[in-house]
Amino acid sequence: MGPQPVEFLIGTLVEGLKRGEITRRS
């Protein structure tokens, strides 16, 4: 577990949103 789990969660959310946008665009 990292020292800042909040940052990790935010990163995962951002990646998910980016992937969702790419999938929707396709």
PDB file of N, CA and C in Angstrom:
ATOM      1  N   MET A   1       0.848  -1.207   0.000  1.00  0.00           N
ATOM      2  CA  MET A   1       0.000   0.000   0.000  1.00  0.00           C
ATOM      3  C   MET A   1       0.881   1.255   0.000  1.00  0.00           C
ATOM      4  N   GLY A   2       0.552   2.188  -0.867  1.00  0.00           N
ATOM      5  CA  GLY A   2       1.371   3.404  -0.958  1.00  0.00           C
ATOM      6  C   GLY A   2       1.090   4.344   0.205  1.00  0.00           C
ATOM      7  N   PRO A   3       1.947   5.342   0.369  1.00  0.00           N
ATOM      8  CA  PRO A   3       1.767   6.300   1.462  1.00  0.00           C
ATOM      9  C   PRO A   3       0.551   7.186   1.247  1.00  0.00           C
ATOM     10  N   GLN A   4       0.165   7.359  -0.008  1.00  0.00           N
ATOM     11  CA  GLN A   4      -1.002   8.216  -0.299  1.00  0.00           C
ATOM     12  C   GLN A   4      -2.000   7.442  -1.150  1.00  0.00           C
ATOM     13  N   PRO A   5      -2.861   6.642  -0.523  1.00  0.00           N
ATOM     14  CA  PRO A   5      -3.854   5.857  -1.272  1.00  0.00           C
ATOM     15  C   PRO A   5      -4.816   6.746  -2.044  1.00  0.00           C
ATOM     16  N   VAL A   6      -5.002   7.970  -1.564  1.00  0.00           N
ATOM     17  CA  VAL A   6      -5.936   8.874  -2.246  1.00  0.00           C
ATOM     18  C   VAL A   6      -5.432   9.160  -3.660  1.00  0.00           C
ATOM     19  N   GLU A   7      -4.134   9.425  -3.771  1.00  0.00           N
ATOM     20  CA  GLU A   7      -3.572   9.730  -5.096  1.00  0.00           C
ATOM     21  C   GLU A   7      -3.723   8.520  -6.008  1.00  0.00           C
ATOM     22  N   PHE A   8      -3.501   7.326  -5.435  1.00  0.00           N
ATOM     23  CA  PHE A   8      -3.617   6.105  -6.243  1.00  0.00           C
ATOM     24  C   PHE A   8      -5.045   5.959  -6.764  1.00  0.00           C
ATOM     25  N   LEU A   9      -6.009   6.231  -5.891  1.00  0.00           N
ATOM     26  CA  LEU A   9      -7.419   6.113  -6.303  1.00  0.00           C
ATOM     27  C   LEU A   9      -7.731   7.121  -7.404  1.00  0.00           C
ATOM     28  N   ILE A  10      -7.245   8.346  -7.232  1.00  0.00           N
ATOM     29  CA  ILE A  10      -7.505   9.379  -8.247  1.00  0.00           C
ATOM     30  C   ILE A  10      -6.910   8.939  -9.585  1.00  0.00           C
ATOM     31  N   GLY A  11      -5.698   8.401  -9.541  1.00  0.00           N
ATOM     32  CA  GLY A  11      -5.042   7.949 -10.781  1.00  0.00           C
ATOM     33  C   GLY A  11      -5.873   6.865 -11.448  1.00  0.00           C
ATOM     34  N   THR A  12      -6.379   5.935 -10.646  1.00  0.00           N
ATOM     35  CA  THR A  12      -7.184   4.845 -11.222  1.00  0.00           C
ATOM     36  C   THR A  12      -8.451   5.418 -11.848  1.00  0.00           C
ATOM     37  N   LEU A  13      -9.059   6.374 -11.181  1.00  0.00           N
ATOM     38  CA  LEU A  13     -10.295   6.973 -11.717  1.00  0.00           C
ATOM     39  C   LEU A  13      -9.999   7.695 -13.027  1.00  0.00           C
ATOM     40  N   VAL A  14      -8.914   8.442 -13.052  1.00  0.00           N
ATOM     41  CA  VAL A  14      -8.552   9.183 -14.273  1.00  0.00           C
ATOM     42  C   VAL A  14      -8.323   8.201 -15.414  1.00  0.00           C
ATOM     43  N   GLU A  15      -7.599   7.115 -15.115  1.00  0.00           N
ATOM     44  CA  GLU A  15      -7.335   6.122 -16.175  1.00  0.00           C
ATOM     45  C   GLU A  15      -8.643   5.527 -16.664  1.00  0.00           C
ATOM     46  N   GLY A  16      -9.542   5.224 -15.738  1.00  0.00           N
ATOM     47  CA  GLY A  16     -10.833   4.646 -16.122  1.00  0.00           C
ATOM     48  C   GLY A  16     -11.599   5.608 -17.018  1.00  0.00           C
ATOM     49  N   LEU A  17     -11.613   6.878 -16.651  1.00  0.00           N
ATOM     50  CA  LEU A  17     -12.349   7.857 -17.463  1.00  0.00           C
ATOM     51  C   LEU A  17     -11.735   7.954 -18.853  1.00  0.00           C
ATOM     52  N   LYS A  18     -10.381   7.996 -18.898  1.00  0.00           N
ATOM     53  CA  LYS A  18      -9.710   8.096 -20.200  1.00  0.00           C
ATOM     54  C   LYS A  18     -10.044   6.873 -21.036  1.00  0.00           C
ATOM     55  N   ARG A  19      -9.993   5.694 -20.411  1.00  0.00           N
ATOM     56  CA  ARG A  19     -10.296   4.463 -21.170  1.00  0.00           C
ATOM     57  C   ARG A  19     -11.745   4.507 -21.636  1.00  0.00           C
ATOM     58  N   GLY A  20     -12.644   4.957 -20.787  1.00  0.00           N
ATOM     59  CA  GLY A  20     -14.056   5.016 -21.169  1.00  0.00           C
ATOM     60  C   GLY A  20     -14.239   5.952 -22.359  1.00  0.00           C
ATOM     61  N   GLU A  21     -13.541   7.088 -22.323  1.00  0.00           N
ATOM     62  CA  GLU A  21     -13.683   8.034 -23.442  1.00  0.00           C
ATOM     63  C   GLU A  21     -13.180   7.400 -24.734  1.00  0.00           C
ATOM     64  N   ILE A  22     -12.034   6.731 -24.639  1.00  0.00           N
ATOM     65  CA  ILE A  22     -11.465   6.101 -25.839  1.00  0.00           C
ATOM     66  C   ILE A  22     -12.427   5.034 -26.366  1.00  0.00           C
ATOM     67  N   THR A  23     -12.979   4.246 -25.445  1.00  0.00           N
ATOM     68  CA  THR A  23     -13.900   3.179 -25.875  1.00  0.00           C
ATOM     69  C   THR A  23     -15.150   3.792 -26.508  1.00  0.00           C
ATOM     70  N   ARG A  24     -15.650   4.858 -25.942  1.00  0.00           N
ATOM     71  CA  ARG A  24     -16.869   5.483 -26.486  1.00  0.00           C
ATOM     72  C   ARG A  24     -16.570   6.062 -27.859  1.00  0.00           C
ATOM     73  N   ARG A  25     -15.391   6.636 -28.017  1.00  0.00           N
ATOM     74  CA  ARG A  25     -15.030   7.248 -29.313  1.00  0.00           C
ATOM     75  C   ARG A  25     -14.965   6.167 -30.385  1.00  0.00           C
ATOM     76  N   SER A  26     -14.386   5.041 -30.052  1.00  0.00           N
ATOM     77  CA  SER A  26     -14.221   3.961 -31.060  1.00  0.00           C
ATOM     78  C   SER A  26     -15.592   3.615 -31.627  1.00  0.00           C
TER      79      SER A  26
END
